[in-house]
């Protein structure tokens, strides 16, 4: 993790202020290139109006003033935004910043992801066919696994984020062991 001393001091000051929000998750877009069975965000892709990068920056300024220390940029898939690099760079100046991806775009956007503190790749099971079924896209498992491996080699702090459901509940222990044995943290969505 690459936290500058300026950023650490800023985050600590906010953390020492009582009764303030600590964490915010921002759905930057509803656009998604996957069709996950446990998510409906992709079902309505018409007339999607997104905030501009400048509007997002103003929102981040407000969150910082409120005392938020950690921001999670999610979606849909936030990496579908053309301006995601600009947004990540801005957020990373003031927040501990996590960016979510389903694994499909991380390698294309690797330079934009370098300023994030964490990248979370959505991956639900070690079973390739089952993961592709859950994600609704053939090849999703392979792309996610390649993204995790490449980001890790590039020195980007990457973790996997499975959504626990009836389709993978009984695999979670083995799933967790597989990744933690390789130095990859697991962040669960419930």
N, C-alpha and C. Protein backbone atom coordinates (compact mmCIF):
# COMPACT_ATOMS: atom_id res chain seq x y z
N UNK A 1 0.86 -1.17 0.00
CA UNK A 1 0.00 0.00 0.00
C UNK A 1 0.90 1.22 0.00
N UNK A 2 0.55 2.23 -0.78
CA UNK A 2 1.38 3.40 -0.92
C UNK A 2 0.66 4.63 -0.38
N UNK A 3 0.83 4.88 0.89
CA UNK A 3 0.20 6.03 1.53
C UNK A 3 1.26 7.09 1.79
N UNK A 4 1.09 8.28 1.23
CA UNK A 4 2.03 9.37 1.49
C UNK A 4 1.84 9.86 2.92
N UNK A 5 2.89 10.48 3.47
CA UNK A 5 2.79 10.99 4.85
C UNK A 5 1.70 12.07 4.94
N UNK A 6 1.56 12.88 3.90
CA UNK A 6 0.50 13.91 3.89
C UNK A 6 -0.88 13.27 3.97
N UNK A 7 -1.06 12.21 3.20
CA UNK A 7 -2.35 11.51 3.19
C UNK A 7 -2.59 10.84 4.54
N UNK A 8 -1.58 10.21 5.10
CA UNK A 8 -1.73 9.55 6.40
C UNK A 8 -2.13 10.56 7.47
N UNK A 9 -1.47 11.71 7.50
CA UNK A 9 -1.81 12.74 8.49
C UNK A 9 -3.24 13.25 8.30
N UNK A 10 -3.62 13.47 7.05
CA UNK A 10 -4.98 13.94 6.76
C UNK A 10 -6.02 12.93 7.22
N UNK A 11 -5.79 11.66 6.92
CA UNK A 11 -6.72 10.60 7.31
C UNK A 11 -6.77 10.47 8.83
N UNK A 12 -5.61 10.53 9.49
CA UNK A 12 -5.58 10.42 10.95
C UNK A 12 -6.31 11.56 11.63
N UNK A 13 -6.15 12.77 11.12
CA UNK A 13 -6.86 13.92 11.70
C UNK A 13 -8.37 13.69 11.64
N UNK A 14 -8.83 13.23 10.50
CA UNK A 14 -10.26 12.95 10.36
C UNK A 14 -10.69 11.82 11.27
N UNK A 15 -9.81 10.83 11.46
CA UNK A 15 -10.14 9.69 12.30
C UNK A 15 -10.22 10.03 13.77
N UNK A 16 -9.55 11.10 14.17
CA UNK A 16 -9.57 11.50 15.58
C UNK A 16 -10.77 12.37 15.92
N UNK A 17 -11.54 12.73 14.93
CA UNK A 17 -12.73 13.53 15.16
C UNK A 17 -13.90 12.59 15.43
N UNK A 18 -14.50 12.67 16.63
CA UNK A 18 -15.58 11.74 16.96
C UNK A 18 -16.86 12.02 16.17
N UNK A 19 -17.68 10.99 16.08
CA UNK A 19 -19.01 11.10 15.47
C UNK A 19 -18.97 11.59 14.03
N UNK A 20 -18.05 11.05 13.27
CA UNK A 20 -17.94 11.39 11.86
C UNK A 20 -18.06 10.11 11.04
N UNK A 21 -18.55 10.21 9.83
CA UNK A 21 -18.57 9.02 8.98
C UNK A 21 -17.14 8.62 8.61
N UNK A 22 -16.89 7.35 8.61
CA UNK A 22 -15.54 6.84 8.31
C UNK A 22 -15.42 6.43 6.85
N UNK A 23 -16.44 5.77 6.33
CA UNK A 23 -16.37 5.05 5.07
C UNK A 23 -17.52 5.46 4.16
N UNK A 24 -17.23 5.56 2.87
CA UNK A 24 -18.30 5.81 1.89
C UNK A 24 -18.06 4.92 0.68
N UNK A 25 -19.13 4.39 0.15
CA UNK A 25 -19.05 3.63 -1.10
C UNK A 25 -19.84 4.40 -2.14
N UNK A 26 -19.22 4.66 -3.27
CA UNK A 26 -19.83 5.49 -4.30
C UNK A 26 -20.01 4.68 -5.57
N UNK A 27 -21.26 4.48 -5.98
CA UNK A 27 -21.57 3.82 -7.23
C UNK A 27 -21.40 4.87 -8.33
N UNK A 28 -20.24 4.88 -8.97
CA UNK A 28 -19.92 5.90 -9.96
C UNK A 28 -20.69 5.71 -11.26
N UNK A 29 -21.14 4.52 -11.51
CA UNK A 29 -21.89 4.24 -12.73
C UNK A 29 -22.77 3.01 -12.52
N UNK A 30 -23.85 2.97 -13.28
CA UNK A 30 -24.68 1.76 -13.29
C UNK A 30 -24.31 0.88 -14.48
N UNK A 31 -23.45 1.41 -15.35
CA UNK A 31 -23.04 0.62 -16.52
C UNK A 31 -22.23 -0.60 -16.06
N UNK A 32 -22.53 -1.73 -16.69
CA UNK A 32 -21.78 -2.94 -16.37
C UNK A 32 -21.71 -3.82 -17.61
N UNK A 33 -20.58 -4.46 -17.79
CA UNK A 33 -20.39 -5.35 -18.93
C UNK A 33 -20.60 -6.82 -18.56
N UNK A 34 -21.02 -7.09 -17.33
CA UNK A 34 -21.34 -8.44 -16.90
C UNK A 34 -22.84 -8.54 -16.61
N UNK A 35 -23.31 -9.74 -16.43
CA UNK A 35 -24.74 -10.00 -16.19
C UNK A 35 -24.89 -10.91 -14.98
N UNK A 36 -24.32 -10.48 -13.87
CA UNK A 36 -24.28 -11.31 -12.67
C UNK A 36 -25.68 -11.69 -12.20
N UNK A 37 -25.82 -12.93 -11.80
CA UNK A 37 -27.12 -13.45 -11.37
C UNK A 37 -27.58 -12.86 -10.05
N UNK A 38 -26.66 -12.41 -9.23
CA UNK A 38 -27.02 -11.85 -7.93
C UNK A 38 -27.14 -10.34 -7.93
N UNK A 39 -27.11 -9.73 -9.09
CA UNK A 39 -27.12 -8.27 -9.19
C UNK A 39 -28.07 -7.83 -10.29
N UNK A 40 -28.77 -6.76 -10.04
CA UNK A 40 -29.71 -6.25 -11.04
C UNK A 40 -29.26 -4.94 -11.66
N UNK A 41 -28.09 -4.44 -11.30
CA UNK A 41 -27.67 -3.13 -11.77
C UNK A 41 -27.60 -3.07 -13.30
N UNK A 42 -27.29 -4.16 -13.93
CA UNK A 42 -27.13 -4.19 -15.38
C UNK A 42 -28.46 -4.24 -16.14
N UNK A 43 -29.55 -4.52 -15.43
CA UNK A 43 -30.83 -4.72 -16.11
C UNK A 43 -31.39 -3.45 -16.75
N UNK A 44 -31.11 -2.30 -16.18
CA UNK A 44 -31.62 -1.05 -16.74
C UNK A 44 -30.44 -0.18 -17.15
N UNK A 45 -30.08 -0.25 -18.41
CA UNK A 45 -28.93 0.48 -18.92
C UNK A 45 -29.33 1.66 -19.82
N UNK A 46 -30.61 1.98 -19.84
CA UNK A 46 -31.08 3.08 -20.68
C UNK A 46 -31.06 4.40 -19.92
N UNK A 47 -30.77 5.47 -20.62
CA UNK A 47 -30.81 6.83 -20.07
C UNK A 47 -30.00 6.97 -18.79
N UNK A 48 -28.81 6.42 -18.79
CA UNK A 48 -27.96 6.52 -17.61
C UNK A 48 -27.21 7.85 -17.65
N UNK A 49 -27.51 8.70 -16.69
CA UNK A 49 -26.81 9.97 -16.59
C UNK A 49 -25.85 9.87 -15.41
N UNK A 50 -24.58 10.05 -15.72
CA UNK A 50 -23.56 9.97 -14.69
C UNK A 50 -23.07 11.37 -14.35
N UNK A 51 -22.58 11.51 -13.14
CA UNK A 51 -21.94 12.76 -12.76
C UNK A 51 -20.65 12.91 -13.55
N UNK A 52 -20.31 14.14 -13.88
CA UNK A 52 -19.03 14.40 -14.55
C UNK A 52 -17.90 14.20 -13.55
N UNK A 53 -16.68 14.14 -14.04
CA UNK A 53 -15.52 14.02 -13.15
C UNK A 53 -15.46 15.20 -12.19
N UNK A 54 -15.76 16.40 -12.66
CA UNK A 54 -15.75 17.58 -11.78
C UNK A 54 -16.81 17.48 -10.69
N UNK A 55 -17.99 16.96 -11.04
CA UNK A 55 -19.04 16.78 -10.03
C UNK A 55 -18.63 15.73 -9.01
N UNK A 56 -18.00 14.66 -9.46
CA UNK A 56 -17.52 13.64 -8.54
C UNK A 56 -16.48 14.24 -7.60
N UNK A 57 -15.58 15.05 -8.14
CA UNK A 57 -14.54 15.69 -7.31
C UNK A 57 -15.18 16.59 -6.25
N UNK A 58 -16.20 17.33 -6.64
CA UNK A 58 -16.90 18.18 -5.64
C UNK A 58 -17.53 17.31 -4.56
N UNK A 59 -18.12 16.19 -4.96
CA UNK A 59 -18.68 15.27 -3.98
C UNK A 59 -17.62 14.69 -3.06
N UNK A 60 -16.47 14.36 -3.61
CA UNK A 60 -15.37 13.85 -2.79
C UNK A 60 -14.89 14.91 -1.80
N UNK A 61 -14.86 16.18 -2.24
CA UNK A 61 -14.48 17.27 -1.33
C UNK A 61 -15.44 17.35 -0.15
N UNK A 62 -16.73 17.20 -0.43
CA UNK A 62 -17.74 17.23 0.64
C UNK A 62 -17.52 16.05 1.60
N UNK A 63 -17.30 14.87 1.05
CA UNK A 63 -17.07 13.69 1.90
C UNK A 63 -15.83 13.87 2.77
N UNK A 64 -14.78 14.46 2.21
CA UNK A 64 -13.57 14.72 3.00
C UNK A 64 -13.88 15.68 4.14
N UNK A 65 -14.65 16.75 3.85
CA UNK A 65 -15.01 17.73 4.89
C UNK A 65 -15.87 17.09 5.97
N UNK A 66 -16.65 16.09 5.61
CA UNK A 66 -17.48 15.39 6.59
C UNK A 66 -16.67 14.44 7.47
N UNK A 67 -15.43 14.19 7.07
CA UNK A 67 -14.57 13.33 7.86
C UNK A 67 -14.36 11.94 7.31
N UNK A 68 -14.91 11.65 6.15
CA UNK A 68 -14.74 10.32 5.55
C UNK A 68 -13.25 10.09 5.29
N UNK A 69 -12.79 8.90 5.65
CA UNK A 69 -11.37 8.55 5.46
C UNK A 69 -11.16 7.54 4.34
N UNK A 70 -12.18 6.73 4.09
CA UNK A 70 -12.04 5.66 3.11
C UNK A 70 -13.17 5.77 2.09
N UNK A 71 -12.80 5.68 0.80
CA UNK A 71 -13.80 5.73 -0.26
C UNK A 71 -13.66 4.46 -1.11
N UNK A 72 -14.78 3.85 -1.42
CA UNK A 72 -14.81 2.69 -2.30
C UNK A 72 -15.54 3.13 -3.57
N UNK A 73 -14.86 3.01 -4.70
CA UNK A 73 -15.44 3.39 -5.99
C UNK A 73 -15.95 2.12 -6.65
N UNK A 74 -17.27 2.08 -6.84
CA UNK A 74 -17.89 0.87 -7.35
C UNK A 74 -18.88 1.21 -8.44
N UNK A 75 -19.69 0.24 -8.81
CA UNK A 75 -20.68 0.45 -9.84
C UNK A 75 -21.72 -0.67 -9.76
N UNK A 76 -22.21 -1.00 -10.83
CA UNK A 76 -21.75 -1.25 -12.17
C UNK A 76 -20.25 -1.54 -12.13
N UNK A 77 -19.61 -1.21 -13.19
CA UNK A 77 -18.15 -1.33 -13.24
C UNK A 77 -17.56 0.05 -13.44
N UNK A 78 -16.93 0.63 -12.41
CA UNK A 78 -16.40 1.98 -12.52
C UNK A 78 -15.32 2.12 -13.58
N UNK A 79 -14.68 1.01 -13.94
CA UNK A 79 -13.62 1.10 -14.95
C UNK A 79 -14.18 1.31 -16.36
N UNK A 80 -15.48 1.25 -16.52
CA UNK A 80 -16.10 1.59 -17.81
C UNK A 80 -16.09 3.10 -18.06
N UNK A 81 -15.87 3.88 -17.02
CA UNK A 81 -15.81 5.34 -17.19
C UNK A 81 -14.49 5.73 -17.85
N UNK A 82 -14.58 6.58 -18.87
CA UNK A 82 -13.38 7.06 -19.55
C UNK A 82 -12.52 7.91 -18.61
N UNK A 83 -13.15 8.57 -17.65
CA UNK A 83 -12.44 9.49 -16.75
C UNK A 83 -12.06 8.84 -15.42
N UNK A 84 -12.07 7.51 -15.36
CA UNK A 84 -11.83 6.85 -14.07
C UNK A 84 -10.43 7.13 -13.53
N UNK A 85 -9.45 7.25 -14.39
CA UNK A 85 -8.10 7.56 -13.92
C UNK A 85 -8.03 8.89 -13.21
N UNK A 86 -8.68 9.89 -13.77
CA UNK A 86 -8.74 11.21 -13.15
C UNK A 86 -9.44 11.15 -11.79
N UNK A 87 -10.52 10.39 -11.71
CA UNK A 87 -11.27 10.27 -10.46
C UNK A 87 -10.45 9.52 -9.40
N UNK A 88 -9.81 8.43 -9.79
CA UNK A 88 -8.99 7.67 -8.84
C UNK A 88 -7.84 8.54 -8.33
N UNK A 89 -7.18 9.24 -9.24
CA UNK A 89 -6.06 10.11 -8.83
C UNK A 89 -6.53 11.14 -7.81
N UNK A 90 -7.67 11.75 -8.06
CA UNK A 90 -8.18 12.78 -7.15
C UNK A 90 -8.56 12.18 -5.80
N UNK A 91 -9.29 11.08 -5.84
CA UNK A 91 -9.72 10.44 -4.59
C UNK A 91 -8.51 9.99 -3.76
N UNK A 92 -7.51 9.48 -4.43
CA UNK A 92 -6.34 8.93 -3.74
C UNK A 92 -5.51 9.98 -3.03
N UNK A 93 -5.70 11.24 -3.36
CA UNK A 93 -4.98 12.31 -2.67
C UNK A 93 -5.48 12.50 -1.24
N UNK A 94 -6.73 12.16 -0.98
CA UNK A 94 -7.35 12.46 0.32
C UNK A 94 -7.91 11.26 1.06
N UNK A 95 -8.10 10.16 0.38
CA UNK A 95 -8.78 9.02 0.97
C UNK A 95 -7.97 7.74 0.80
N UNK A 96 -8.20 6.81 1.68
CA UNK A 96 -7.80 5.43 1.40
C UNK A 96 -8.79 4.97 0.34
N UNK A 97 -8.31 4.63 -0.83
CA UNK A 97 -9.16 4.43 -1.99
C UNK A 97 -9.14 2.99 -2.48
N UNK A 98 -10.33 2.42 -2.59
CA UNK A 98 -10.50 1.07 -3.14
C UNK A 98 -11.34 1.19 -4.41
N UNK A 99 -10.93 0.46 -5.44
CA UNK A 99 -11.67 0.45 -6.71
C UNK A 99 -12.09 -0.99 -6.99
N UNK A 100 -13.36 -1.17 -7.32
CA UNK A 100 -13.89 -2.49 -7.67
C UNK A 100 -13.88 -2.69 -9.18
N UNK A 101 -13.62 -3.92 -9.58
CA UNK A 101 -13.71 -4.33 -10.99
C UNK A 101 -14.13 -5.80 -10.99
N UNK A 102 -14.80 -6.20 -12.04
CA UNK A 102 -15.17 -7.61 -12.14
C UNK A 102 -14.04 -8.44 -12.75
N UNK A 103 -12.92 -7.80 -13.00
CA UNK A 103 -11.77 -8.49 -13.57
C UNK A 103 -11.64 -8.30 -15.06
N UNK A 104 -12.64 -7.74 -15.68
CA UNK A 104 -12.64 -7.65 -17.14
C UNK A 104 -11.83 -6.47 -17.68
N UNK A 105 -11.64 -5.43 -16.89
CA UNK A 105 -11.01 -4.21 -17.41
C UNK A 105 -9.74 -3.81 -16.67
N UNK A 106 -9.42 -4.48 -15.59
CA UNK A 106 -8.26 -4.07 -14.77
C UNK A 106 -6.97 -4.01 -15.58
N UNK A 107 -6.76 -4.97 -16.45
CA UNK A 107 -5.51 -4.99 -17.20
C UNK A 107 -5.44 -3.86 -18.21
N UNK A 108 -6.58 -3.48 -18.77
CA UNK A 108 -6.61 -2.34 -19.70
C UNK A 108 -6.42 -1.02 -18.97
N UNK A 109 -6.81 -0.96 -17.71
CA UNK A 109 -6.78 0.28 -16.93
C UNK A 109 -5.70 0.25 -15.85
N UNK A 110 -4.68 -0.57 -16.05
CA UNK A 110 -3.69 -0.78 -15.00
C UNK A 110 -3.00 0.53 -14.59
N UNK A 111 -2.74 1.41 -15.53
CA UNK A 111 -2.10 2.68 -15.17
C UNK A 111 -3.01 3.53 -14.30
N UNK A 112 -4.29 3.53 -14.58
CA UNK A 112 -5.25 4.29 -13.76
C UNK A 112 -5.34 3.71 -12.36
N UNK A 113 -5.18 2.41 -12.23
CA UNK A 113 -5.31 1.74 -10.93
C UNK A 113 -4.09 1.91 -10.03
N UNK A 114 -2.99 2.33 -10.59
CA UNK A 114 -1.75 2.45 -9.80
C UNK A 114 -1.89 3.42 -8.63
N UNK A 115 -2.73 4.44 -8.74
CA UNK A 115 -2.86 5.40 -7.65
C UNK A 115 -3.87 4.97 -6.59
N UNK A 116 -4.60 3.89 -6.85
CA UNK A 116 -5.54 3.37 -5.84
C UNK A 116 -4.74 2.65 -4.76
N UNK A 117 -5.27 2.65 -3.55
CA UNK A 117 -4.63 1.92 -2.47
C UNK A 117 -4.94 0.43 -2.55
N UNK A 118 -6.15 0.12 -2.98
CA UNK A 118 -6.59 -1.27 -3.10
C UNK A 118 -7.41 -1.42 -4.37
N UNK A 119 -7.30 -2.59 -4.99
CA UNK A 119 -8.18 -2.96 -6.10
C UNK A 119 -8.85 -4.26 -5.69
N UNK A 120 -10.16 -4.29 -5.77
CA UNK A 120 -10.94 -5.48 -5.42
C UNK A 120 -11.51 -6.09 -6.69
N UNK A 121 -11.15 -7.33 -6.95
CA UNK A 121 -11.64 -8.05 -8.12
C UNK A 121 -12.78 -8.97 -7.67
N UNK A 122 -13.92 -8.82 -8.31
CA UNK A 122 -15.07 -9.65 -7.99
C UNK A 122 -14.88 -11.04 -8.60
N UNK A 123 -14.78 -12.01 -7.72
CA UNK A 123 -14.59 -13.41 -8.12
C UNK A 123 -15.31 -14.25 -7.07
N UNK A 124 -16.19 -15.15 -7.50
CA UNK A 124 -17.07 -15.81 -6.54
C UNK A 124 -16.73 -17.25 -6.19
N UNK A 125 -15.93 -17.91 -7.01
CA UNK A 125 -15.63 -19.31 -6.77
C UNK A 125 -14.37 -19.70 -7.54
N UNK A 126 -13.72 -20.76 -7.10
CA UNK A 126 -12.56 -21.29 -7.82
C UNK A 126 -12.99 -22.16 -9.00
N UNK A 127 -14.26 -22.50 -9.05
CA UNK A 127 -14.80 -23.32 -10.13
C UNK A 127 -15.07 -22.41 -11.34
N UNK A 128 -14.26 -22.59 -12.37
CA UNK A 128 -14.32 -21.73 -13.56
C UNK A 128 -15.73 -21.68 -14.17
N UNK A 129 -16.31 -22.83 -14.38
CA UNK A 129 -17.63 -22.88 -15.03
C UNK A 129 -18.71 -22.25 -14.15
N UNK A 130 -18.64 -22.52 -12.85
CA UNK A 130 -19.63 -21.95 -11.94
C UNK A 130 -19.48 -20.43 -11.87
N UNK A 131 -18.23 -19.94 -11.83
CA UNK A 131 -18.02 -18.49 -11.77
C UNK A 131 -18.56 -17.82 -13.03
N UNK A 132 -18.29 -18.41 -14.19
CA UNK A 132 -18.80 -17.85 -15.44
C UNK A 132 -20.33 -17.84 -15.45
N UNK A 133 -20.93 -18.88 -14.90
CA UNK A 133 -22.39 -18.94 -14.79
C UNK A 133 -22.90 -17.81 -13.88
N UNK A 134 -22.27 -17.64 -12.72
CA UNK A 134 -22.69 -16.60 -11.78
C UNK A 134 -22.55 -15.22 -12.41
N UNK A 135 -21.45 -15.00 -13.12
CA UNK A 135 -21.18 -13.69 -13.73
C UNK A 135 -21.96 -13.47 -15.02
N UNK A 136 -22.48 -14.54 -15.60
CA UNK A 136 -23.26 -14.42 -16.83
C UNK A 136 -22.43 -14.13 -18.06
N UNK A 137 -21.11 -14.39 -17.97
CA UNK A 137 -20.21 -14.11 -19.09
C UNK A 137 -19.17 -15.23 -19.18
N UNK A 138 -19.07 -15.85 -20.35
CA UNK A 138 -18.03 -16.85 -20.56
C UNK A 138 -16.66 -16.19 -20.48
N UNK A 139 -15.74 -16.85 -19.81
CA UNK A 139 -14.38 -16.32 -19.68
C UNK A 139 -14.17 -15.38 -18.52
N UNK A 140 -15.20 -15.13 -17.72
CA UNK A 140 -15.09 -14.19 -16.59
C UNK A 140 -14.08 -14.68 -15.56
N UNK A 141 -14.09 -15.97 -15.26
CA UNK A 141 -13.17 -16.52 -14.26
C UNK A 141 -11.73 -16.32 -14.71
N UNK A 142 -11.44 -16.65 -15.95
CA UNK A 142 -10.08 -16.54 -16.47
C UNK A 142 -9.60 -15.09 -16.42
N UNK A 143 -10.43 -14.16 -16.83
CA UNK A 143 -10.04 -12.75 -16.80
C UNK A 143 -9.78 -12.27 -15.37
N UNK A 144 -10.63 -12.68 -14.44
CA UNK A 144 -10.45 -12.27 -13.05
C UNK A 144 -9.16 -12.83 -12.48
N UNK A 145 -8.89 -14.10 -12.74
CA UNK A 145 -7.66 -14.72 -12.23
C UNK A 145 -6.43 -14.06 -12.84
N UNK A 146 -6.47 -13.76 -14.13
CA UNK A 146 -5.35 -13.07 -14.78
C UNK A 146 -5.17 -11.67 -14.20
N UNK A 147 -6.27 -10.99 -13.92
CA UNK A 147 -6.18 -9.65 -13.34
C UNK A 147 -5.52 -9.69 -11.97
N UNK A 148 -5.94 -10.63 -11.13
CA UNK A 148 -5.36 -10.74 -9.79
C UNK A 148 -3.86 -11.01 -9.90
N UNK A 149 -3.49 -11.96 -10.71
CA UNK A 149 -2.07 -12.33 -10.85
C UNK A 149 -1.24 -11.16 -11.39
N UNK A 150 -1.72 -10.50 -12.42
CA UNK A 150 -0.96 -9.41 -13.04
C UNK A 150 -0.87 -8.20 -12.11
N UNK A 151 -1.97 -7.82 -11.49
CA UNK A 151 -1.93 -6.68 -10.57
C UNK A 151 -0.96 -6.95 -9.43
N UNK A 152 -0.98 -8.16 -8.91
CA UNK A 152 -0.07 -8.51 -7.83
C UNK A 152 1.39 -8.40 -8.30
N UNK A 153 1.69 -8.90 -9.49
CA UNK A 153 3.05 -8.81 -10.04
C UNK A 153 3.46 -7.36 -10.26
N UNK A 154 2.50 -6.51 -10.59
CA UNK A 154 2.77 -5.09 -10.84
C UNK A 154 2.91 -4.28 -9.56
N UNK A 155 2.73 -4.93 -8.41
CA UNK A 155 2.87 -4.24 -7.13
C UNK A 155 1.64 -3.46 -6.72
N UNK A 156 0.51 -3.74 -7.35
CA UNK A 156 -0.75 -3.10 -6.99
C UNK A 156 -1.43 -3.99 -5.95
N UNK A 157 -1.85 -3.40 -4.84
CA UNK A 157 -2.46 -4.17 -3.76
C UNK A 157 -3.84 -4.63 -4.21
N UNK A 158 -3.97 -5.91 -4.45
CA UNK A 158 -5.20 -6.47 -5.01
C UNK A 158 -5.77 -7.52 -4.06
N UNK A 159 -7.09 -7.55 -3.99
CA UNK A 159 -7.80 -8.58 -3.25
C UNK A 159 -8.94 -9.10 -4.09
N UNK A 160 -9.55 -10.17 -3.64
CA UNK A 160 -10.73 -10.69 -4.32
C UNK A 160 -11.94 -10.47 -3.43
N UNK A 161 -13.07 -10.27 -4.07
CA UNK A 161 -14.28 -9.95 -3.34
C UNK A 161 -15.44 -10.83 -3.82
N UNK A 162 -15.63 -11.97 -3.17
CA UNK A 162 -16.75 -12.83 -3.55
C UNK A 162 -18.05 -12.36 -2.92
N UNK A 163 -19.12 -12.50 -3.67
CA UNK A 163 -20.45 -12.30 -3.11
C UNK A 163 -20.92 -13.67 -2.66
N UNK A 164 -21.15 -13.79 -1.37
CA UNK A 164 -21.55 -15.09 -0.83
C UNK A 164 -23.03 -15.33 -1.12
N UNK A 165 -23.31 -16.51 -1.66
CA UNK A 165 -24.69 -16.89 -1.99
C UNK A 165 -24.83 -18.40 -1.82
N UNK A 166 -26.00 -18.90 -2.12
CA UNK A 166 -26.23 -20.34 -2.04
C UNK A 166 -25.37 -21.09 -3.06
N UNK A 167 -24.85 -20.39 -4.06
CA UNK A 167 -24.04 -21.03 -5.09
C UNK A 167 -22.60 -21.28 -4.66
N UNK A 168 -22.13 -20.57 -3.63
CA UNK A 168 -20.72 -20.73 -3.24
C UNK A 168 -20.48 -20.80 -1.73
N UNK A 169 -21.53 -20.78 -0.94
CA UNK A 169 -21.40 -20.72 0.51
C UNK A 169 -20.47 -21.80 1.06
N UNK A 170 -20.59 -23.01 0.56
CA UNK A 170 -19.83 -24.12 1.12
C UNK A 170 -18.42 -24.23 0.53
N UNK A 171 -18.05 -23.30 -0.31
CA UNK A 171 -16.70 -23.26 -0.88
C UNK A 171 -15.84 -22.17 -0.26
N UNK A 172 -16.42 -21.34 0.59
CA UNK A 172 -15.75 -20.14 1.07
C UNK A 172 -14.45 -20.45 1.82
N UNK A 173 -14.42 -21.50 2.62
CA UNK A 173 -13.20 -21.83 3.37
C UNK A 173 -12.06 -22.17 2.40
N UNK A 174 -12.32 -23.04 1.43
CA UNK A 174 -11.29 -23.39 0.45
C UNK A 174 -10.90 -22.19 -0.41
N UNK A 175 -11.88 -21.40 -0.79
CA UNK A 175 -11.65 -20.19 -1.59
C UNK A 175 -10.71 -19.25 -0.83
N UNK A 176 -11.02 -19.01 0.43
CA UNK A 176 -10.22 -18.11 1.26
C UNK A 176 -8.80 -18.63 1.40
N UNK A 177 -8.66 -19.90 1.69
CA UNK A 177 -7.33 -20.50 1.85
C UNK A 177 -6.51 -20.37 0.57
N UNK A 178 -7.14 -20.63 -0.56
CA UNK A 178 -6.44 -20.55 -1.84
C UNK A 178 -5.80 -19.17 -2.01
N UNK A 179 -6.58 -18.13 -1.77
CA UNK A 179 -6.05 -16.79 -2.02
C UNK A 179 -5.13 -16.30 -0.90
N UNK A 180 -5.49 -16.54 0.33
CA UNK A 180 -4.61 -16.06 1.41
C UNK A 180 -3.26 -16.77 1.39
N UNK A 181 -3.23 -18.03 0.96
CA UNK A 181 -1.95 -18.74 0.80
C UNK A 181 -1.07 -18.08 -0.26
N UNK A 182 -1.67 -17.31 -1.14
CA UNK A 182 -0.94 -16.62 -2.21
C UNK A 182 -0.77 -15.13 -1.92
N UNK A 183 -1.09 -14.74 -0.69
CA UNK A 183 -0.91 -13.34 -0.30
C UNK A 183 -1.97 -12.40 -0.83
N UNK A 184 -3.12 -12.94 -1.20
CA UNK A 184 -4.22 -12.13 -1.73
C UNK A 184 -5.34 -12.10 -0.70
N UNK A 185 -5.66 -10.92 -0.16
CA UNK A 185 -6.75 -10.86 0.82
C UNK A 185 -8.11 -11.10 0.18
N UNK A 186 -9.05 -11.50 1.01
CA UNK A 186 -10.42 -11.76 0.56
C UNK A 186 -11.34 -10.83 1.33
N UNK A 187 -12.14 -10.05 0.58
CA UNK A 187 -13.12 -9.12 1.17
C UNK A 187 -14.50 -9.59 0.73
N UNK A 188 -15.29 -10.04 1.67
CA UNK A 188 -16.58 -10.64 1.35
C UNK A 188 -17.68 -9.61 1.16
N UNK A 189 -18.55 -9.89 0.21
CA UNK A 189 -19.81 -9.16 0.06
C UNK A 189 -20.91 -10.13 0.48
N UNK A 190 -21.79 -9.65 1.32
CA UNK A 190 -22.87 -10.53 1.79
C UNK A 190 -24.21 -10.02 1.32
